[in-house]
Amino acid sequence: MPHRHPEGPERVAGPTPGGPVDLNLLRTFVAVHRAGSFTAAAHLLGLSQPTVTAQIRTLERRLGRELFERLPRGVAPSPYADELAARLTPPLDALTAAAGEGPGPGAAAPGPVHLAGPAEVMGARVLPGLAELAGRGVRLRVTLGLTDPLLAELRAGRHDLVIASTRPRGRSLEAVPLMDEEFVLVAAPGWARRIGAPRRVAEEGPAALDAVPLITYAEDLPIARRYWRYVFGQRLTRQAAVTVPDLRGVLAAVAAGAGFSVLPRYLCLAELASGAVVPLHDPEDPPLNTVFLVQRPGAPANPHVALVRDHLLRAGKDW
């Protein structure tokens, strides 16, 4: 007699003839895909776990495909399920929002999602990208900080998701690319005119910047050092005139004429468009840094964690 895992059936046989697929089956499928288990999806939908299992079994028979691999803890989507979820999730989310629907009457509200990351990318990209979820009952608790301490806190269970400026080492955390930061060398227009940038910087390299104060967010000049090494092929040896432990403060100082800095382009888009700051150099291949979305392995107990994660990954494609 074949063994069956308690979370659901084994491989589905073939397709079952029938009409259009019930919308409730598709909603259940998206909930399982997000939550990573039938039990968590049942909690999200306000259904019993056997009902969710039965609905997924029905959908698999209708499609003639196995959508999820049953694991000792939760389920893993098949490649076909990932493709199906990518097509279904946006219209189903829009339909749910338009109808004002939420979990079933017997469901307890999911807890807050604890999200952490650097202040700059959280303020400029992540939180605006998650704004619509607040109206759909998702509660966020946000912590701002540097990547290494936040990853240590994630391992200790203090956060659900972390936006990280570097990929974590080891296998204790799972990381997926979220967005790329492009770095740009900028100053106020007065400094650009005074040193003849960007022409002189292109001709003379960083020596053209010797008379301009350097503004950074840390004494070890991490972003500027990367730019010098990648673009100019040199080691940066100068010291900062001003350090501000927040890139938004660095941008404000640069725009006020304090000196030059290297900043993520997304952070100074408005200032570049208005002319408050200008590029001092225009390399053909600007340096990039990949930002990662990080979580602990396994399906989260809170289904809204998966909802926030999926929403960020979709939004990140446009960043």
Protein backbone atom coordinates (compact mmCIF):
# COMPACT_ATOMS: atom_id res chain seq x y z
CA MET A 1 0.00 0.00 0.00
CA PRO A 2 1.60 3.36 -0.99
CA HIS A 3 2.66 5.69 1.79
CA ARG A 4 0.88 9.04 2.02
CA HIS A 5 2.08 12.05 3.93
CA PRO A 6 -0.54 13.49 6.31
CA GLU A 7 -0.39 16.89 4.58
CA GLY A 8 -1.79 15.56 1.32
CA PRO A 9 -1.83 12.93 -1.43
CA GLU A 10 0.99 11.50 -3.44
CA ARG A 11 1.43 12.24 -7.15
CA VAL A 12 -1.74 13.14 -8.94
CA ALA A 13 -2.79 10.83 -11.75
CA GLY A 14 -4.14 12.50 -14.87
CA PRO A 15 -6.41 15.40 -15.66
CA THR A 16 -10.07 15.17 -14.81
CA PRO A 17 -12.45 16.55 -17.43
CA GLY A 18 -14.49 19.51 -16.28
CA GLY A 19 -15.39 23.14 -16.82
CA PRO A 20 -13.58 26.25 -15.59
CA VAL A 21 -11.52 25.94 -12.41
CA ASP A 22 -13.31 27.16 -9.27
CA LEU A 23 -11.95 30.53 -8.14
CA ASN A 24 -11.80 29.28 -4.55
CA LEU A 25 -9.39 26.55 -5.62
CA LEU A 26 -7.08 29.17 -7.15
CA ARG A 27 -7.25 31.30 -4.02
CA THR A 28 -6.34 28.30 -1.90
CA PHE A 29 -3.48 27.45 -4.25
CA VAL A 30 -2.03 31.00 -3.96
CA ALA A 31 -2.36 30.88 -0.16
CA VAL A 32 -0.48 27.57 0.02
CA HIS A 33 2.20 28.85 -2.36
CA ARG A 34 2.71 31.92 -0.19
CA ALA A 35 2.52 30.23 3.19
CA GLY A 36 4.61 27.17 2.35
CA SER A 37 2.30 24.71 4.06
CA PHE A 38 -1.32 23.59 4.06
CA THR A 39 -1.63 24.33 7.77
CA ALA A 40 -0.45 27.94 7.50
CA ALA A 41 -2.64 28.50 4.44
CA ALA A 42 -5.64 27.13 6.32
CA HIS A 43 -4.95 29.63 9.11
CA LEU A 44 -4.76 32.46 6.59
CA LEU A 45 -7.97 31.46 4.81
CA GLY A 46 -10.01 30.56 7.89
CA LEU A 47 -10.44 26.97 6.68
CA SER A 48 -9.57 23.60 8.15
CA GLN A 49 -6.34 21.93 7.04
CA PRO A 50 -8.22 18.91 5.56
CA THR A 51 -10.32 21.34 3.48
CA VAL A 52 -7.20 23.01 2.09
CA THR A 53 -5.65 19.60 1.36
CA ALA A 54 -8.79 18.49 -0.45
CA GLN A 55 -8.96 21.67 -2.51
CA ILE A 56 -5.33 21.36 -3.61
CA ARG A 57 -5.94 17.70 -4.47
CA THR A 58 -8.95 18.73 -6.59
CA LEU A 59 -6.96 21.43 -8.38
CA GLU A 60 -4.08 19.06 -9.06
CA ARG A 61 -6.47 16.52 -10.56
CA ARG A 62 -8.11 19.20 -12.68
CA LEU A 63 -4.75 20.42 -13.99
CA GLY A 64 -3.24 16.96 -14.27
CA ARG A 65 -0.10 18.11 -12.47
CA GLU A 66 1.39 17.85 -9.00
CA LEU A 67 1.71 21.39 -7.69
CA PHE A 68 3.51 20.80 -4.41
CA GLU A 69 6.03 18.30 -3.10
CA ARG A 70 4.92 17.14 0.34
CA LEU A 71 7.75 17.57 2.84
CA PRO A 72 8.07 16.54 6.50
CA ARG A 73 7.40 20.21 7.34
CA GLY A 74 5.27 22.03 4.81
CA VAL A 75 5.39 21.78 1.03
CA ALA A 76 7.66 22.90 -1.80
CA PRO A 77 6.14 24.26 -5.04
CA SER A 78 6.96 22.67 -8.37
CA PRO A 79 8.35 24.86 -11.18
CA TYR A 80 4.90 24.77 -12.78
CA ALA A 81 3.37 25.97 -9.49
CA ASP A 82 5.81 28.89 -9.36
CA GLU A 83 4.83 29.91 -12.90
CA LEU A 84 1.12 29.53 -12.11
CA ALA A 85 1.45 31.58 -8.93
CA ALA A 86 3.25 34.36 -10.82
CA ARG A 87 0.30 34.59 -13.23
CA LEU A 88 -2.46 34.27 -10.64
CA THR A 89 -1.24 36.33 -7.69
CA PRO A 90 -1.58 39.90 -9.07
CA PRO A 91 -5.15 39.54 -10.41
CA LEU A 92 -6.31 37.59 -7.34
CA ASP A 93 -4.77 40.20 -5.01
CA ALA A 94 -6.50 42.95 -6.97
CA LEU A 95 -9.82 41.09 -6.84
CA THR A 96 -9.50 40.51 -3.09
CA ALA A 97 -8.65 44.17 -2.46
CA ALA A 98 -11.56 45.38 -4.62
CA ALA A 99 -13.98 43.07 -2.83
CA GLY A 100 -12.66 44.02 0.61
CA GLU A 101 -12.28 40.39 1.50
CA GLY A 102 -10.04 38.96 4.19
CA PRO A 103 -9.62 35.75 6.15
CA GLY A 104 -12.67 33.67 6.94
CA PRO A 105 -14.75 34.33 10.05
CA GLY A 106 -13.01 31.68 12.13
CA ALA A 107 -9.48 32.85 11.41
CA ALA A 108 -7.31 34.66 13.89
CA ALA A 109 -5.54 37.71 12.49
CA PRO A 110 -1.89 36.98 11.58
CA GLY A 111 0.72 38.68 13.75
CA PRO A 112 2.94 41.55 12.66
CA VAL A 113 5.74 41.00 10.16
CA HIS A 114 9.09 42.06 11.60
CA LEU A 115 11.09 43.64 8.77
CA ALA A 116 14.55 45.18 9.10
CA GLY A 117 17.08 46.88 6.86
CA PRO A 118 19.22 49.97 6.20
CA ALA A 119 17.35 53.22 6.76
CA GLU A 120 18.04 54.60 3.29
CA VAL A 121 16.74 51.75 1.14
CA MET A 122 13.87 51.13 3.56
CA GLY A 123 12.73 54.74 3.31
CA ALA A 124 13.30 55.24 -0.40
CA ARG A 125 12.19 51.87 -1.78
CA VAL A 126 10.95 49.19 0.62
CA LEU A 127 8.32 51.00 2.70
CA PRO A 128 6.76 52.84 -0.27
CA GLY A 129 6.69 49.49 -2.07
CA LEU A 130 4.73 47.91 0.80
CA ALA A 131 2.28 50.77 1.35
CA GLU A 132 -0.74 49.02 -0.17
CA LEU A 133 -0.39 46.03 2.16
CA ALA A 134 -1.28 48.15 5.19
CA GLY A 135 -4.77 48.55 3.79
CA ARG A 136 -5.07 44.78 3.43
CA GLY A 137 -4.53 44.02 7.10
CA VAL A 138 -0.77 43.42 7.04
CA ARG A 139 0.98 44.84 10.10
CA LEU A 140 4.66 45.78 9.85
CA ARG A 141 7.18 46.33 12.62
CA VAL A 142 10.26 47.96 11.11
CA THR A 143 13.80 48.04 12.51
CA LEU A 144 16.52 50.18 10.92
CA GLY A 145 20.21 49.39 11.16
CA LEU A 146 23.36 48.04 9.56
CA THR A 147 23.41 44.73 7.73
CA ASP A 148 25.71 42.63 9.94
CA PRO A 149 23.90 43.29 13.26
CA LEU A 150 20.51 42.83 11.61
CA LEU A 151 21.53 39.46 10.15
CA ALA A 152 22.73 38.33 13.57
CA GLU A 153 19.35 39.34 15.00
CA LEU A 154 17.59 37.48 12.18
CA ARG A 155 19.47 34.30 13.08
CA ALA A 156 18.36 34.81 16.69
CA GLY A 157 14.72 35.10 15.64
CA ARG A 158 14.19 38.82 16.24
CA HIS A 159 13.17 39.55 12.63
CA ASP A 160 11.21 37.74 9.93
CA LEU A 161 12.86 39.39 6.92
CA VAL A 162 15.99 41.50 6.51
CA ILE A 163 17.03 43.73 3.61
CA ALA A 164 20.81 43.20 3.44
CA SER A 165 23.49 45.08 1.51
CA THR A 166 25.63 41.90 1.36
CA ARG A 167 24.83 38.21 0.91
CA PRO A 168 24.99 36.41 4.28
CA ARG A 169 27.63 33.73 4.69
CA GLY A 170 26.88 30.13 5.55
CA ARG A 171 23.68 28.14 5.21
CA SER A 172 21.78 29.35 8.24
CA LEU A 173 19.96 32.01 6.20
CA GLU A 174 18.35 32.07 2.76
CA ALA A 175 18.98 35.10 0.52
CA VAL A 176 17.53 36.11 -2.85
CA PRO A 177 18.56 39.18 -4.89
CA LEU A 178 16.11 42.05 -4.45
CA MET A 179 17.59 44.97 -6.40
CA ASP A 180 20.84 46.45 -7.70
CA GLU A 181 22.18 49.76 -6.40
CA GLU A 182 24.07 51.87 -8.94
CA PHE A 183 26.60 54.26 -7.38
CA VAL A 184 27.13 57.79 -8.69
CA LEU A 185 29.84 60.38 -7.88
CA VAL A 186 28.03 63.66 -7.08
CA ALA A 187 28.49 67.20 -5.79
CA ALA A 188 26.62 70.48 -5.83
CA PRO A 189 26.74 72.38 -9.16
CA GLY A 190 29.11 75.01 -7.72
CA TRP A 191 31.82 72.44 -7.06
CA ALA A 192 31.34 70.88 -10.50
CA ARG A 193 31.88 74.26 -12.17
CA ARG A 194 34.87 75.06 -9.97
CA ILE A 195 36.79 71.90 -10.89
CA GLY A 196 35.49 71.58 -14.44
CA ALA A 197 33.72 68.28 -13.88
CA PRO A 198 32.92 65.91 -15.42
CA ARG A 199 35.49 66.67 -18.16
CA ARG A 200 38.48 67.03 -15.82
CA VAL A 201 37.56 63.94 -13.82
CA ALA A 202 37.35 61.93 -17.04
CA GLU A 203 40.77 63.25 -18.15
CA GLU A 204 42.69 63.37 -14.85
CA GLY A 205 40.89 60.81 -12.72
CA PRO A 206 40.45 61.32 -8.98
CA ALA A 207 43.27 63.91 -8.84
CA ALA A 208 40.72 66.42 -10.15
CA LEU A 209 38.85 66.04 -6.84
CA ASP A 210 41.79 66.83 -4.55
CA ALA A 211 40.46 70.27 -3.63
CA VAL A 212 36.92 69.05 -2.89
CA PRO A 213 36.00 67.80 0.62
CA LEU A 214 34.81 64.18 0.82
CA ILE A 215 31.52 63.50 2.62
CA THR A 216 30.79 59.91 3.72
CA TYR A 217 28.67 57.91 6.16
CA ALA A 218 31.54 55.99 7.81
CA GLU A 219 35.22 56.56 8.57
CA ASP A 220 36.31 53.52 6.53
CA LEU A 221 34.68 55.02 3.39
CA PRO A 222 33.09 51.76 2.16
CA ILE A 223 31.11 53.09 -0.82
CA ALA A 224 33.77 55.55 -1.94
CA ARG A 225 36.52 52.92 -1.66
CA ARG A 226 34.53 50.59 -3.88
CA TYR A 227 33.99 53.35 -6.47
CA TRP A 228 37.71 54.27 -6.50
CA ARG A 229 38.78 50.65 -6.93
CA TYR A 230 36.18 49.75 -9.56
CA VAL A 231 36.13 52.95 -11.65
CA PHE A 232 39.57 54.50 -11.18
CA GLY A 233 41.51 51.31 -10.45
CA GLN A 234 43.13 53.02 -7.47
CA ARG A 235 43.13 52.72 -3.70
CA LEU A 236 41.38 55.60 -1.92
CA THR A 237 43.75 57.04 0.67
CA ARG A 238 42.18 60.36 1.63
CA GLN A 239 40.15 61.02 4.77
CA ALA A 240 36.59 62.28 4.99
CA ALA A 241 35.91 65.92 5.81
CA VAL A 242 32.44 65.05 7.17
CA THR A 243 30.97 61.71 8.22
CA VAL A 244 27.22 61.30 8.71
CA PRO A 245 25.90 57.83 9.69
CA ASP A 246 22.95 58.12 7.30
CA LEU A 247 23.20 58.46 3.52
CA ARG A 248 20.26 60.85 3.51
CA GLY A 249 22.31 63.19 5.70
CA VAL A 250 25.27 62.75 3.36
CA LEU A 251 23.05 63.75 0.44
CA ALA A 252 21.78 66.82 2.31
CA ALA A 253 25.35 67.93 3.06
CA VAL A 254 26.41 67.41 -0.56
CA ALA A 255 23.42 69.33 -1.90
CA ALA A 256 24.26 72.19 0.50
CA GLY A 257 27.76 72.45 -1.01
CA ALA A 258 29.83 70.73 1.69
CA GLY A 259 31.72 68.56 -0.82
CA PHE A 260 31.36 65.44 -2.93
CA SER A 261 30.29 61.87 -2.20
CA VAL A 262 29.42 58.55 -3.79
CA LEU A 263 25.74 57.69 -3.34
CA PRO A 264 23.20 55.14 -4.61
CA ARG A 265 21.47 56.64 -7.62
CA TYR A 266 17.99 55.73 -6.33
CA LEU A 267 18.60 57.90 -3.26
CA CYS A 268 19.38 61.08 -5.19
CA LEU A 269 17.09 60.73 -8.22
CA ALA A 270 15.05 63.81 -7.31
CA GLU A 271 18.15 65.93 -6.63
CA LEU A 272 19.76 64.84 -9.91
CA ALA A 273 16.56 65.66 -11.78
CA SER A 274 16.27 69.11 -10.18
CA GLY A 275 19.98 69.92 -10.51
CA ALA A 276 20.52 70.21 -6.75
CA VAL A 277 23.39 67.74 -7.24
CA VAL A 278 25.18 66.81 -10.47
CA PRO A 279 27.33 63.86 -11.54
CA LEU A 280 31.07 64.52 -11.44
CA HIS A 281 31.85 61.47 -13.56
CA ASP A 282 29.98 59.31 -16.07
CA PRO A 283 31.74 55.94 -16.37
CA GLU A 284 30.54 53.52 -19.04
CA ASP A 285 30.34 50.75 -16.45
CA PRO A 286 29.29 52.21 -13.07
CA PRO A 287 29.74 50.07 -9.95
CA LEU A 288 26.73 48.13 -8.71
CA ASN A 289 25.86 46.50 -5.42
CA THR A 290 23.23 43.77 -5.08
CA VAL A 291 20.76 44.11 -2.21
CA PHE A 292 19.33 40.85 -0.84
CA LEU A 293 16.09 39.83 0.84
CA VAL A 294 17.02 37.40 3.63
CA GLN A 295 15.04 35.05 5.87
CA ARG A 296 15.54 31.92 7.94
CA PRO A 297 15.05 28.61 6.08
CA GLY A 298 11.67 26.91 6.10
CA ALA A 299 8.10 28.09 5.80
CA PRO A 300 7.25 30.93 8.22
CA ALA A 301 4.45 30.34 10.69
CA ASN A 302 2.96 33.76 9.89
CA PRO A 303 1.46 33.70 6.36
CA HIS A 304 1.86 37.47 6.06
CA VAL A 305 5.64 37.01 6.02
CA ALA A 306 5.33 35.20 2.71
CA LEU A 307 2.93 37.87 1.48
CA VAL A 308 5.42 40.65 2.26
CA ARG A 309 8.27 38.66 0.76
CA ASP A 310 6.43 38.00 -2.51
CA HIS A 311 5.29 41.61 -2.74
CA LEU A 312 8.86 42.89 -2.28
CA LEU A 313 10.29 40.53 -4.88
CA ARG A 314 7.72 41.68 -7.44
CA ALA A 315 8.32 45.34 -6.64
CA GLY A 316 12.09 44.86 -6.72
CA LYS A 317 11.92 44.02 -10.44
CA ASP A 318 11.02 47.68 -11.09
CA TRP A 319 13.67 49.16 -8.81
